[in-house]
Amino acid sequence: MSTINKIKKPIAQELKDFEPYFNKSLKSDVPLLSTILNFIYRSKGKQLRPIFVFLSAKLHGETNEFSQLAACSVELLHTATLVHDDVVDESYERRGTFSVNALWRNKLAVLVGDYILAKGLQLQLEHQKYNFLHLISRAVQDMAEGEILQMKKSRKLDINDEVYFEIIRKKTASLIATSMAIGAASVTSNGQIVEKMYRIGQDVGIAFQIKDDIFDYLAKGIIGKPTGNDIKEKKITLPLLYILNNSESAERKRILRLIKHKNKNPAVVKELIHMVTEKGGLEYAEQKMNNFKEKAINGLMEFEDCEARQSLIELMEYITTRKQ
């Protein structure tokens, strides 16, 4: 049994029931929209966030129809943001296939993302789950602010550790935090538990993003070379930030100048990747990632031992040791 299948075991039935529930939510009477939504459904990813929702729910009670609604709401939001992100990033590939904007262009992609987001909000209103709406709305706000803050800092390159963690807390961690919180909220009205699960999810979400930032400096794919995409997009993430923080003023200015003016030059990208690798940037980032993971696991240990808790711990380990 693979690691991820072992993690899913306590919620196997919930995930089986989730597939038709989520598929039904991605339906429209408009033929073109229906075609695009069907394409999105067929190219879906690992659906880690619904796994977080169901395991969090199971940690605090018995899953129910609201747990399905919670998982669907989170996955619809995640799907909408991916469609919008590909437009913002001018990316024409998603999960090894064409992105929505590559096939149907930006205007239609933005509208489809809007439709998916609205669909999730409508589902919560139909079931009068205003506590879900509050959690999801907070995530939407945080993710938008995180994206805009990152764009601003990519232009000015005036980023520090505090700003970096604020960006990833809002842009990435907020949705995993919401997944944990909304899962708990589907089975308990205890606000303290819901907020506790949010904070645990936030910590593991930060670890998740740091892992992604590390990947950009590691060899991957058929050519076996790091992509350096973050450098090309002028995104200063934790591995590179460590090097900047530990460089003399002149060297720091040189690095920033390279990122600002020669970030598309393959030789420069290769030089910066080599610098990060040789000077301990990846080790530093990995240490920080593990610190957040351990903090999240310690938070889970405050709850009663059960299959769901063990799977959540294994999921956090999986997230920080995954190969892609």
C-alpha atoms as a PDB file:
ATOM      1  CA  MET A   1       0.000   0.000   0.000  1.00  0.00           C
ATOM      2  CA  SER A   2       1.391   3.412  -0.993  1.00  0.00           C
ATOM      3  CA  THR A   3       1.921   6.102   1.638  1.00  0.00           C
ATOM      4  CA  ILE A   4      -0.921   8.268   0.393  1.00  0.00           C
ATOM      5  CA  ASN A   5      -3.345   5.313   0.262  1.00  0.00           C
ATOM      6  CA  LYS A   6      -2.405   4.423   3.825  1.00  0.00           C
ATOM      7  CA  ILE A   7      -3.107   8.011   4.856  1.00  0.00           C
ATOM      8  CA  LYS A   8      -6.516   7.885   3.150  1.00  0.00           C
ATOM      9  CA  LYS A   9      -7.563   4.599   4.766  1.00  0.00           C
ATOM     10  CA  PRO A  10      -9.635   6.053   7.675  1.00  0.00           C
ATOM     11  CA  ILE A  11     -11.577   8.242   5.221  1.00  0.00           C
ATOM     12  CA  ALA A  12     -11.770   5.923   2.215  1.00  0.00           C
ATOM     13  CA  GLN A  13     -15.571   5.987   2.113  1.00  0.00           C
ATOM     14  CA  GLU A  14     -15.706   9.763   2.538  1.00  0.00           C
ATOM     15  CA  LEU A  15     -13.347  10.238  -0.410  1.00  0.00           C
ATOM     16  CA  LYS A  16     -15.342   7.772  -2.514  1.00  0.00           C
ATOM     17  CA  ASP A  17     -18.535   9.721  -1.779  1.00  0.00           C
ATOM     18  CA  PHE A  18     -16.737  12.992  -2.463  1.00  0.00           C
ATOM     19  CA  GLU A  19     -16.026  12.255  -6.139  1.00  0.00           C
ATOM     20  CA  PRO A  20     -19.654  12.398  -7.389  1.00  0.00           C
ATOM     21  CA  TYR A  21     -20.376  15.272  -4.977  1.00  0.00           C
ATOM     22  CA  PHE A  22     -17.535  17.365  -6.374  1.00  0.00           C
ATOM     23  CA  ASN A  23     -18.243  16.336  -9.967  1.00  0.00           C
ATOM     24  CA  LYS A  24     -21.872  17.424  -9.600  1.00  0.00           C
ATOM     25  CA  SER A  25     -20.749  20.815  -8.301  1.00  0.00           C
ATOM     26  CA  LEU A  26     -18.757  21.349 -11.511  1.00  0.00           C
ATOM     27  CA  LYS A  27     -21.800  21.306 -13.775  1.00  0.00           C
ATOM     28  CA  SER A  28     -23.478  23.991 -15.844  1.00  0.00           C
ATOM     29  CA  ASP A  29     -26.303  24.191 -18.367  1.00  0.00           C
ATOM     30  CA  VAL A  30     -24.125  26.390 -20.578  1.00  0.00           C
ATOM     31  CA  PRO A  31     -22.464  23.977 -23.073  1.00  0.00           C
ATOM     32  CA  LEU A  32     -19.076  25.728 -23.377  1.00  0.00           C
ATOM     33  CA  LEU A  33     -18.812  26.231 -19.625  1.00  0.00           C
ATOM     34  CA  SER A  34     -19.773  22.588 -19.066  1.00  0.00           C
ATOM     35  CA  THR A  35     -17.004  21.477 -21.445  1.00  0.00           C
ATOM     36  CA  ILE A  36     -14.391  23.536 -19.602  1.00  0.00           C
ATOM     37  CA  LEU A  37     -15.580  22.371 -16.169  1.00  0.00           C
ATOM     38  CA  ASN A  38     -15.441  18.752 -17.323  1.00  0.00           C
ATOM     39  CA  PHE A  39     -11.873  19.327 -18.534  1.00  0.00           C
ATOM     40  CA  ILE A  40     -10.948  20.774 -15.139  1.00  0.00           C
ATOM     41  CA  TYR A  41     -12.509  17.815 -13.312  1.00  0.00           C
ATOM     42  CA  ARG A  42     -10.670  15.264 -15.446  1.00  0.00           C
ATOM     43  CA  SER A  43      -7.318  16.982 -14.830  1.00  0.00           C
ATOM     44  CA  LYS A  44      -7.734  17.329 -11.058  1.00  0.00           C
ATOM     45  CA  GLY A  45      -4.769  16.696  -8.763  1.00  0.00           C
ATOM     46  CA  LYS A  46      -4.239  14.722  -5.549  1.00  0.00           C
ATOM     47  CA  GLN A  47      -7.031  16.623  -3.761  1.00  0.00           C
ATOM     48  CA  LEU A  48      -4.953  16.990  -0.606  1.00  0.00           C
ATOM     49  CA  ARG A  49      -7.234  19.640   0.847  1.00  0.00           C
ATOM     50  CA  PRO A  50     -10.345  17.417   0.985  1.00  0.00           C
ATOM     51  CA  ILE A  51      -8.150  14.826   2.713  1.00  0.00           C
ATOM     52  CA  PHE A  52      -7.278  17.445   5.334  1.00  0.00           C
ATOM     53  CA  VAL A  53     -10.972  18.319   5.686  1.00  0.00           C
ATOM     54  CA  PHE A  54     -12.148  14.735   6.236  1.00  0.00           C
ATOM     55  CA  LEU A  55      -9.309  13.759   8.574  1.00  0.00           C
ATOM     56  CA  SER A  56      -9.839  16.914  10.642  1.00  0.00           C
ATOM     57  CA  ALA A  57     -13.571  16.162  10.823  1.00  0.00           C
ATOM     58  CA  LYS A  58     -12.922  12.555  11.821  1.00  0.00           C
ATOM     59  CA  LEU A  59     -10.507  13.669  14.518  1.00  0.00           C
ATOM     60  CA  HIS A  60     -13.363  15.500  16.260  1.00  0.00           C
ATOM     61  CA  GLY A  61     -16.434  13.417  15.471  1.00  0.00           C
ATOM     62  CA  GLU A  62     -18.289  11.478  12.797  1.00  0.00           C
ATOM     63  CA  THR A  63     -18.220  12.853   9.271  1.00  0.00           C
ATOM     64  CA  ASN A  64     -21.567  13.865   7.788  1.00  0.00           C
ATOM     65  CA  GLU A  65     -23.147  15.668   4.834  1.00  0.00           C
ATOM     66  CA  PHE A  66     -21.668  18.955   6.032  1.00  0.00           C
ATOM     67  CA  SER A  67     -18.200  17.396   5.916  1.00  0.00           C
ATOM     68  CA  GLN A  68     -18.820  16.694   2.224  1.00  0.00           C
ATOM     69  CA  LEU A  69     -19.984  20.275   1.748  1.00  0.00           C
ATOM     70  CA  ALA A  70     -16.881  21.533   3.566  1.00  0.00           C
ATOM     71  CA  ALA A  71     -14.531  19.442   1.401  1.00  0.00           C
ATOM     72  CA  CYS A  72     -16.307  20.537  -1.780  1.00  0.00           C
ATOM     73  CA  SER A  73     -16.201  24.211  -0.764  1.00  0.00           C
ATOM     74  CA  VAL A  74     -12.457  24.057  -0.159  1.00  0.00           C
ATOM     75  CA  GLU A  75     -11.722  22.178  -3.375  1.00  0.00           C
ATOM     76  CA  LEU A  76     -13.844  24.546  -5.443  1.00  0.00           C
ATOM     77  CA  LEU A  77     -11.945  27.510  -3.995  1.00  0.00           C
ATOM     78  CA  HIS A  78      -8.623  25.777  -4.651  1.00  0.00           C
ATOM     79  CA  THR A  79      -9.663  24.981  -8.230  1.00  0.00           C
ATOM     80  CA  ALA A  80     -10.787  28.563  -8.882  1.00  0.00           C
ATOM     81  CA  THR A  81      -7.502  29.981  -7.596  1.00  0.00           C
ATOM     82  CA  LEU A  82      -5.475  27.612  -9.791  1.00  0.00           C
ATOM     83  CA  VAL A  83      -7.369  28.793 -12.867  1.00  0.00           C
ATOM     84  CA  HIS A  84      -6.807  32.428 -11.873  1.00  0.00           C
ATOM     85  CA  ASP A  85      -3.145  31.811 -10.943  1.00  0.00           C
ATOM     86  CA  ASP A  86      -2.390  30.443 -14.410  1.00  0.00           C
ATOM     87  CA  VAL A  87      -3.754  33.663 -15.895  1.00  0.00           C
ATOM     88  CA  VAL A  88      -1.755  35.859 -13.499  1.00  0.00           C
ATOM     89  CA  ASP A  89       1.437  33.830 -14.033  1.00  0.00           C
ATOM     90  CA  GLU A  90       0.860  33.514 -17.800  1.00  0.00           C
ATOM     91  CA  SER A  91       1.286  29.768 -17.378  1.00  0.00           C
ATOM     92  CA  TYR A  92       0.110  27.487 -20.168  1.00  0.00           C
ATOM     93  CA  GLU A  93       0.626  24.178 -18.406  1.00  0.00           C
ATOM     94  CA  ARG A  94      -1.044  22.667 -15.352  1.00  0.00           C
ATOM     95  CA  ARG A  95      -0.353  19.130 -14.033  1.00  0.00           C
ATOM     96  CA  GLY A  96       1.322  18.008 -17.225  1.00  0.00           C
ATOM     97  CA  THR A  97      -1.405  19.221 -19.568  1.00  0.00           C
ATOM     98  CA  PHE A  98      -2.645  22.503 -21.004  1.00  0.00           C
ATOM     99  CA  SER A  99      -4.050  25.067 -18.586  1.00  0.00           C
ATOM    100  CA  VAL A 100      -7.545  26.512 -19.067  1.00  0.00           C
ATOM    101  CA  ASN A 101      -6.147  29.842 -20.298  1.00  0.00           C
ATOM    102  CA  ALA A 102      -3.912  28.035 -22.810  1.00  0.00           C
ATOM    103  CA  LEU A 103      -6.913  26.337 -24.411  1.00  0.00           C
ATOM    104  CA  TRP A 104      -9.635  28.979 -23.983  1.00  0.00           C
ATOM    105  CA  ARG A 105      -7.651  32.202 -23.426  1.00  0.00           C
ATOM    106  CA  ASN A 106      -7.463  34.541 -20.451  1.00  0.00           C
ATOM    107  CA  LYS A 107     -10.874  36.232 -20.529  1.00  0.00           C
ATOM    108  CA  LEU A 108     -12.757  32.947 -20.483  1.00  0.00           C
ATOM    109  CA  ALA A 109     -10.388  31.469 -17.874  1.00  0.00           C
ATOM    110  CA  VAL A 110     -11.037  34.388 -15.501  1.00  0.00           C
ATOM    111  CA  LEU A 111     -14.794  33.996 -15.909  1.00  0.00           C
ATOM    112  CA  VAL A 112     -14.609  30.237 -15.333  1.00  0.00           C
ATOM    113  CA  GLY A 113     -12.573  30.826 -12.164  1.00  0.00           C
ATOM    114  CA  ASP A 114     -15.183  33.327 -11.015  1.00  0.00           C
ATOM    115  CA  TYR A 115     -17.979  30.838 -11.717  1.00  0.00           C
ATOM    116  CA  ILE A 116     -16.280  28.083  -9.706  1.00  0.00           C
ATOM    117  CA  LEU A 117     -15.683  30.434  -6.774  1.00  0.00           C
ATOM    118  CA  ALA A 118     -19.311  31.603  -6.854  1.00  0.00           C
ATOM    119  CA  LYS A 119     -20.518  28.012  -7.033  1.00  0.00           C
ATOM    120  CA  GLY A 120     -18.756  27.182  -3.774  1.00  0.00           C
ATOM    121  CA  LEU A 121     -20.185  30.227  -2.017  1.00  0.00           C
ATOM    122  CA  GLN A 122     -23.663  29.407  -3.324  1.00  0.00           C
ATOM    123  CA  LEU A 123     -23.468  25.856  -1.931  1.00  0.00           C
ATOM    124  CA  GLN A 124     -22.682  27.199   1.537  1.00  0.00           C
ATOM    125  CA  LEU A 125     -25.574  29.670   1.376  1.00  0.00           C
ATOM    126  CA  GLU A 126     -28.000  26.989   0.190  1.00  0.00           C
ATOM    127  CA  HIS A 127     -27.173  24.938   3.285  1.00  0.00           C
ATOM    128  CA  GLN A 128     -27.098  28.060   5.488  1.00  0.00           C
ATOM    129  CA  LYS A 129     -23.585  27.208   6.673  1.00  0.00           C
ATOM    130  CA  TYR A 130     -22.592  30.768   7.476  1.00  0.00           C
ATOM    131  CA  ASN A 131     -19.670  29.601   9.602  1.00  0.00           C
ATOM    132  CA  PHE A 132     -18.263  27.893   6.475  1.00  0.00           C
ATOM    133  CA  LEU A 133     -18.820  31.089   4.511  1.00  0.00           C
ATOM    134  CA  HIS A 134     -16.858  33.045   7.102  1.00  0.00           C
ATOM    135  CA  LEU A 135     -13.898  30.634   6.879  1.00  0.00           C
ATOM    136  CA  ILE A 136     -13.888  30.499   3.082  1.00  0.00           C
ATOM    137  CA  SER A 137     -14.235  34.286   2.739  1.00  0.00           C
ATOM    138  CA  ARG A 138     -11.266  34.792   5.050  1.00  0.00           C
ATOM    139  CA  ALA A 139      -9.231  32.427   2.874  1.00  0.00           C
ATOM    140  CA  VAL A 140     -10.197  34.270  -0.323  1.00  0.00           C
ATOM    141  CA  GLN A 141      -9.129  37.582   1.200  1.00  0.00           C
ATOM    142  CA  ASP A 142      -5.841  36.180   2.514  1.00  0.00           C
ATOM    143  CA  MET A 143      -4.947  34.486  -0.772  1.00  0.00           C
ATOM    144  CA  ALA A 144      -5.598  37.640  -2.785  1.00  0.00           C
ATOM    145  CA  GLU A 145      -3.560  39.769  -0.369  1.00  0.00           C
ATOM    146  CA  GLY A 146      -0.700  37.252  -0.411  1.00  0.00           C
ATOM    147  CA  GLU A 147      -0.597  37.186  -4.212  1.00  0.00           C
ATOM    148  CA  ILE A 148      -0.647  40.978  -4.483  1.00  0.00           C
ATOM    149  CA  LEU A 149       2.037  41.360  -1.797  1.00  0.00           C
ATOM    150  CA  GLN A 150       4.259  38.879  -3.632  1.00  0.00           C
ATOM    151  CA  MET A 151       3.792  40.751  -6.923  1.00  0.00           C
ATOM    152  CA  LYS A 152       4.719  44.032  -5.229  1.00  0.00           C
ATOM    153  CA  LYS A 153       7.839  42.569  -3.632  1.00  0.00           C
ATOM    154  CA  SER A 154       8.882  40.892  -6.892  1.00  0.00           C
ATOM    155  CA  ARG A 155       9.026  44.336  -8.472  1.00  0.00           C
ATOM    156  CA  LYS A 156      10.945  46.055  -5.665  1.00  0.00           C
ATOM    157  CA  LEU A 157      12.932  43.016  -4.411  1.00  0.00           C
ATOM    158  CA  ASP A 158      12.821  44.460  -0.863  1.00  0.00           C
ATOM    159  CA  ILE A 159      11.802  41.237   0.840  1.00  0.00           C
ATOM    160  CA  ASN A 160      12.870  40.000   4.282  1.00  0.00           C
ATOM    161  CA  ASP A 161      12.019  36.954   6.405  1.00  0.00           C
ATOM    162  CA  GLU A 162       8.953  38.600   7.956  1.00  0.00           C
ATOM    163  CA  VAL A 163       7.492  39.543   4.588  1.00  0.00           C
ATOM    164  CA  TYR A 164       8.297  36.130   3.087  1.00  0.00           C
ATOM    165  CA  PHE A 165       6.415  34.293   5.824  1.00  0.00           C
ATOM    166  CA  GLU A 166       3.503  36.723   5.576  1.00  0.00           C
ATOM    167  CA  ILE A 167       3.258  36.009   1.840  1.00  0.00           C
ATOM    168  CA  ILE A 168       3.234  32.224   2.161  1.00  0.00           C
ATOM    169  CA  ARG A 169       0.970  32.311   5.231  1.00  0.00           C
ATOM    170  CA  LYS A 170      -1.632  34.200   3.228  1.00  0.00           C
ATOM    171  CA  LYS A 171      -1.077  32.804  -0.266  1.00  0.00           C
ATOM    172  CA  THR A 172      -0.720  29.081   0.482  1.00  0.00           C
ATOM    173  CA  ALA A 173      -1.083  28.243   4.164  1.00  0.00           C
ATOM    174  CA  SER A 174      -4.441  29.983   4.539  1.00  0.00           C
ATOM    175  CA  LEU A 175      -6.257  27.399   2.408  1.00  0.00           C
ATOM    176  CA  ILE A 176      -4.759  24.393   4.190  1.00  0.00           C
ATOM    177  CA  ALA A 177      -5.561  26.110   7.491  1.00  0.00           C
ATOM    178  CA  THR A 178      -9.118  26.633   6.267  1.00  0.00           C
ATOM    179  CA  SER A 179      -9.334  22.960   5.260  1.00  0.00           C
ATOM    180  CA  MET A 180      -8.453  21.859   8.789  1.00  0.00           C
ATOM    181  CA  ALA A 181     -10.769  24.421  10.400  1.00  0.00           C
ATOM    182  CA  ILE A 182     -13.780  23.800   8.179  1.00  0.00           C
ATOM    183  CA  GLY A 183     -13.414  20.043   8.630  1.00  0.00           C
ATOM    184  CA  ALA A 184     -13.616  20.484  12.387  1.00  0.00           C
ATOM    185  CA  ALA A 185     -16.486  22.984  11.998  1.00  0.00           C
ATOM    186  CA  SER A 186     -18.502  20.370  10.108  1.00  0.00           C
ATOM    187  CA  VAL A 187     -18.729  18.155  13.199  1.00  0.00           C
ATOM    188  CA  THR A 188     -18.360  20.492  16.183  1.00  0.00           C
ATOM    189  CA  SER A 189     -19.569  23.942  17.183  1.00  0.00           C
ATOM    190  CA  ASN A 190     -16.615  24.399  19.544  1.00  0.00           C
ATOM    191  CA  GLY A 191     -14.964  27.566  18.260  1.00  0.00           C
ATOM    192  CA  GLN A 192     -11.752  26.943  20.202  1.00  0.00           C
ATOM    193  CA  ILE A 193     -11.247  23.591  18.473  1.00  0.00           C
ATOM    194  CA  VAL A 194     -11.950  25.111  15.051  1.00  0.00           C
ATOM    195  CA  GLU A 195      -9.419  27.895  15.655  1.00  0.00           C
ATOM    196  CA  LYS A 196      -6.866  25.421  17.010  1.00  0.00           C
ATOM    197  CA  MET A 197      -7.177  23.328  13.854  1.00  0.00           C
ATOM    198  CA  TYR A 198      -6.778  26.508  11.800  1.00  0.00           C
ATOM    199  CA  ARG A 199      -3.461  27.286  13.498  1.00  0.00           C
ATOM    200  CA  ILE A 200      -2.238  23.707  13.046  1.00  0.00           C
ATOM    201  CA  GLY A 201      -3.202  23.863   9.381  1.00  0.00           C
ATOM    202  CA  GLN A 202      -1.426  27.177   9.012  1.00  0.00           C
ATOM    203  CA  ASP A 203       1.824  25.680  10.296  1.00  0.00           C
ATOM    204  CA  VAL A 204       1.667  22.671   7.994  1.00  0.00           C
ATOM    205  CA  GLY A 205       0.654  24.956   5.117  1.00  0.00           C
ATOM    206  CA  ILE A 206       3.797  27.039   5.633  1.00  0.00           C
ATOM    207  CA  ALA A 207       5.856  23.834   5.648  1.00  0.00           C
ATOM    208  CA  PHE A 208       4.105  22.779   2.420  1.00  0.00           C
ATOM    209  CA  GLN A 209       5.077  26.012   0.655  1.00  0.00           C
ATOM    210  CA  ILE A 210       8.678  25.924   1.865  1.00  0.00           C
ATOM    211  CA  LYS A 211       8.915  22.417   0.382  1.00  0.00           C
ATOM    212  CA  ASP A 212       7.678  23.806  -2.952  1.00  0.00           C
ATOM    213  CA  ASP A 213      10.260  26.592  -2.737  1.00  0.00           C
ATOM    214  CA  ILE A 214      13.007  24.003  -2.169  1.00  0.00           C
ATOM    215  CA  PHE A 215      11.875  22.021  -5.231  1.00  0.00           C
ATOM    216  CA  ASP A 216      12.693  24.965  -7.499  1.00  0.00           C
ATOM    217  CA  TYR A 217      16.373  24.458  -6.714  1.00  0.00           C
ATOM    218  CA  LEU A 218      16.410  20.667  -7.123  1.00  0.00           C
ATOM    219  CA  ALA A 219      16.953  18.559 -10.242  1.00  0.00           C
ATOM    220  CA  LYS A 220      13.705  17.260 -11.692  1.00  0.00           C
ATOM    221  CA  GLY A 221      12.030  15.939 -14.813  1.00  0.00           C
ATOM    222  CA  ILE A 222      13.553  14.279 -17.877  1.00  0.00           C
ATOM    223  CA  ILE A 223      16.393  16.796 -18.243  1.00  0.00           C
ATOM    224  CA  GLY A 224      17.309  16.428 -14.571  1.00  0.00           C
ATOM    225  CA  LYS A 225      17.871  20.140 -14.005  1.00  0.00           C
ATOM    226  CA  PRO A 226      16.345  22.622 -11.533  1.00  0.00           C
ATOM    227  CA  THR A 227      13.764  24.871 -13.165  1.00  0.00           C
ATOM    228  CA  GLY A 228      14.729  28.086 -11.397  1.00  0.00           C
ATOM    229  CA  ASN A 229      11.225  29.368 -12.132  1.00  0.00           C
ATOM    230  CA  ASP A 230      11.103  31.471  -8.969  1.00  0.00           C
ATOM    231  CA  ILE A 231      14.284  33.286  -9.980  1.00  0.00           C
ATOM    232  CA  LYS A 232      12.917  33.810 -13.503  1.00  0.00           C
ATOM    233  CA  GLU A 233       9.771  35.340 -11.967  1.00  0.00           C
ATOM    234  CA  LYS A 234      11.839  37.458  -9.530  1.00  0.00           C
ATOM    235  CA  LYS A 235      10.420  35.608  -6.536  1.00  0.00           C
ATOM    236  CA  ILE A 236      12.842  35.601  -3.634  1.00  0.00           C
ATOM    237  CA  THR A 237      11.959  32.533  -1.598  1.00  0.00           C
ATOM    238  CA  LEU A 238      13.508  31.189   1.602  1.00  0.00           C
ATOM    239  CA  PRO A 239      16.559  29.348   0.140  1.00  0.00           C
ATOM    240  CA  LEU A 240      17.711  32.471  -1.726  1.00  0.00           C
ATOM    241  CA  LEU A 241      16.662  34.783   1.085  1.00  0.00           C
ATOM    242  CA  TYR A 242      19.049  32.914   3.399  1.00  0.00           C
ATOM    243  CA  ILE A 243      21.938  33.626   1.014  1.00  0.00           C
ATOM    244  CA  LEU A 244      21.003  37.306   0.771  1.00  0.00           C
ATOM    245  CA  ASN A 245      20.810  37.584   4.560  1.00  0.00           C
ATOM    246  CA  ASN A 246      24.257  36.060   4.915  1.00  0.00           C
ATOM    247  CA  SER A 247      26.081  37.966   2.179  1.00  0.00           C
ATOM    248  CA  GLU A 248      28.214  41.074   2.427  1.00  0.00           C
ATOM    249  CA  SER A 249      26.548  44.279   1.254  1.00  0.00           C
ATOM    250  CA  ALA A 250      28.337  44.346  -2.113  1.00  0.00           C
ATOM    251  CA  GLU A 251      27.534  40.720  -2.862  1.00  0.00           C
ATOM    252  CA  ARG A 252      23.915  41.189  -1.826  1.00  0.00           C
ATOM    253  CA  LYS A 253      23.570  44.128  -4.201  1.00  0.00           C
ATOM    254  CA  ARG A 254      25.139  42.079  -7.012  1.00  0.00           C
ATOM    255  CA  ILE A 255      22.699  39.198  -6.448  1.00  0.00           C
ATOM    256  CA  LEU A 256      19.705  41.542  -6.404  1.00  0.00           C
ATOM    257  CA  ARG A 257      20.973  43.238  -9.571  1.00  0.00           C
ATOM    258  CA  LEU A 258      21.229  39.857 -11.319  1.00  0.00           C
ATOM    259  CA  ILE A 259      17.694  38.917 -10.272  1.00  0.00           C
ATOM    260  CA  LYS A 260      16.315  42.266 -11.383  1.00  0.00           C
ATOM    261  CA  HIS A 261      18.021  42.559 -14.774  1.00  0.00           C
ATOM    262  CA  LYS A 262      19.254  39.105 -15.813  1.00  0.00           C
ATOM    263  CA  ASN A 263      16.719  36.743 -14.260  1.00  0.00           C
ATOM    264  CA  LYS A 264      15.909  35.220 -17.675  1.00  0.00           C
ATOM    265  CA  ASN A 265      19.557  34.473 -18.493  1.00  0.00           C
ATOM    266  CA  PRO A 266      20.106  30.677 -18.139  1.00  0.00           C
ATOM    267  CA  ALA A 267      23.715  31.165 -17.025  1.00  0.00           C
ATOM    268  CA  VAL A 268      22.679  33.607 -14.290  1.00  0.00           C
ATOM    269  CA  VAL A 269      19.849  31.337 -13.116  1.00  0.00           C
ATOM    270  CA  LYS A 270      22.322  28.441 -12.983  1.00  0.00           C
ATOM    271  CA  GLU A 271      24.811  30.566 -11.020  1.00  0.00           C
ATOM    272  CA  LEU A 272      22.212  31.578  -8.431  1.00  0.00           C
ATOM    273  CA  ILE A 273      20.957  28.002  -8.040  1.00  0.00           C
ATOM    274  CA  HIS A 274      24.541  26.820  -7.527  1.00  0.00           C
ATOM    275  CA  MET A 275      25.123  29.572  -4.967  1.00  0.00           C
ATOM    276  CA  VAL A 276      22.010  28.628  -2.989  1.00  0.00           C
ATOM    277  CA  THR A 277      22.953  24.942  -3.095  1.00  0.00           C
ATOM    278  CA  GLU A 278      26.595  25.437  -2.105  1.00  0.00           C
ATOM    279  CA  LYS A 279      26.047  28.029   0.634  1.00  0.00           C
ATOM    280  CA  GLY A 280      23.437  26.152   2.659  1.00  0.00           C
ATOM    281  CA  GLY A 281      20.223  27.781   1.487  1.00  0.00           C
ATOM    282  CA  LEU A 282      18.436  24.466   0.977  1.00  0.00           C
ATOM    283  CA  GLU A 283      19.519  23.072   4.343  1.00  0.00           C
ATOM    284  CA  TYR A 284      18.320  26.227   6.083  1.00  0.00           C
ATOM    285  CA  ALA A 285      14.947  26.119   4.321  1.00  0.00           C
ATOM    286  CA  GLU A 286      14.546  22.426   5.126  1.00  0.00           C
ATOM    287  CA  GLN A 287      15.259  23.101   8.800  1.00  0.00           C
ATOM    288  CA  LYS A 288      12.615  25.829   8.884  1.00  0.00           C
ATOM    289  CA  MET A 289      10.156  23.562   7.079  1.00  0.00           C
ATOM    290  CA  ASN A 290      10.672  20.793   9.618  1.00  0.00           C
ATOM    291  CA  ASN A 291      10.253  23.258  12.496  1.00  0.00           C
ATOM    292  CA  PHE A 292       6.794  24.215  11.230  1.00  0.00           C
ATOM    293  CA  LYS A 293       5.892  20.582  10.593  1.00  0.00           C
ATOM    294  CA  GLU A 294       6.896  19.580  14.120  1.00  0.00           C
ATOM    295  CA  LYS A 295       4.936  22.500  15.563  1.00  0.00           C
ATOM    296  CA  ALA A 296       1.852  21.284  13.675  1.00  0.00           C
ATOM    297  CA  ILE A 297       2.342  17.696  14.860  1.00  0.00           C
ATOM    298  CA  ASN A 298       2.781  18.857  18.462  1.00  0.00           C
ATOM    299  CA  GLY A 299      -0.526  20.691  18.145  1.00  0.00           C
ATOM    300  CA  LEU A 300      -2.239  17.492  17.002  1.00  0.00           C
ATOM    301  CA  MET A 301      -0.821  15.585  19.973  1.00  0.00           C
ATOM    302  CA  GLU A 302      -3.099  17.628  22.236  1.00  0.00           C
ATOM    303  CA  PHE A 303      -6.051  15.672  20.826  1.00  0.00           C
ATOM    304  CA  GLU A 304      -7.015  12.083  21.585  1.00  0.00           C
ATOM    305  CA  ASP A 305      -5.124   9.367  19.725  1.00  0.00           C
ATOM    306  CA  CYS A 306      -7.081   7.768  16.871  1.00  0.00           C
ATOM    307  CA  GLU A 307      -6.687   6.648  13.264  1.00  0.00           C
ATOM    308  CA  ALA A 308      -7.471  10.129  11.970  1.00  0.00           C
ATOM    309  CA  ARG A 309      -4.789  11.749  14.128  1.00  0.00           C
ATOM    310  CA  GLN A 310      -2.211   9.204  12.986  1.00  0.00           C
ATOM    311  CA  SER A 311      -3.139   9.776   9.343  1.00  0.00           C
ATOM    312  CA  LEU A 312      -2.859  13.544   9.790  1.00  0.00           C
ATOM    313  CA  ILE A 313       0.618  13.119  11.242  1.00  0.00           C
ATOM    314  CA  GLU A 314       1.581  10.835   8.350  1.00  0.00           C
ATOM    315  CA  LEU A 315       0.118  13.363   5.900  1.00  0.00           C
ATOM    316  CA  MET A 316       2.292  16.090   7.389  1.00  0.00           C
ATOM    317  CA  GLU A 317       5.339  13.835   7.065  1.00  0.00           C
ATOM    318  CA  TYR A 318       4.350  13.029   3.486  1.00  0.00           C
ATOM    319  CA  ILE A 319       4.016  16.711   2.573  1.00  0.00           C
ATOM    320  CA  THR A 320       7.537  17.483   3.758  1.00  0.00           C
ATOM    321  CA  THR A 321       9.200  14.386   2.257  1.00  0.00           C
ATOM    322  CA  ARG A 322       7.361  14.207  -1.086  1.00  0.00           C
ATOM    323  CA  LYS A 323       9.388  14.071  -4.282  1.00  0.00           C
ATOM    324  CA  GLN A 324       7.171  16.379  -6.324  1.00  0.00           C
END
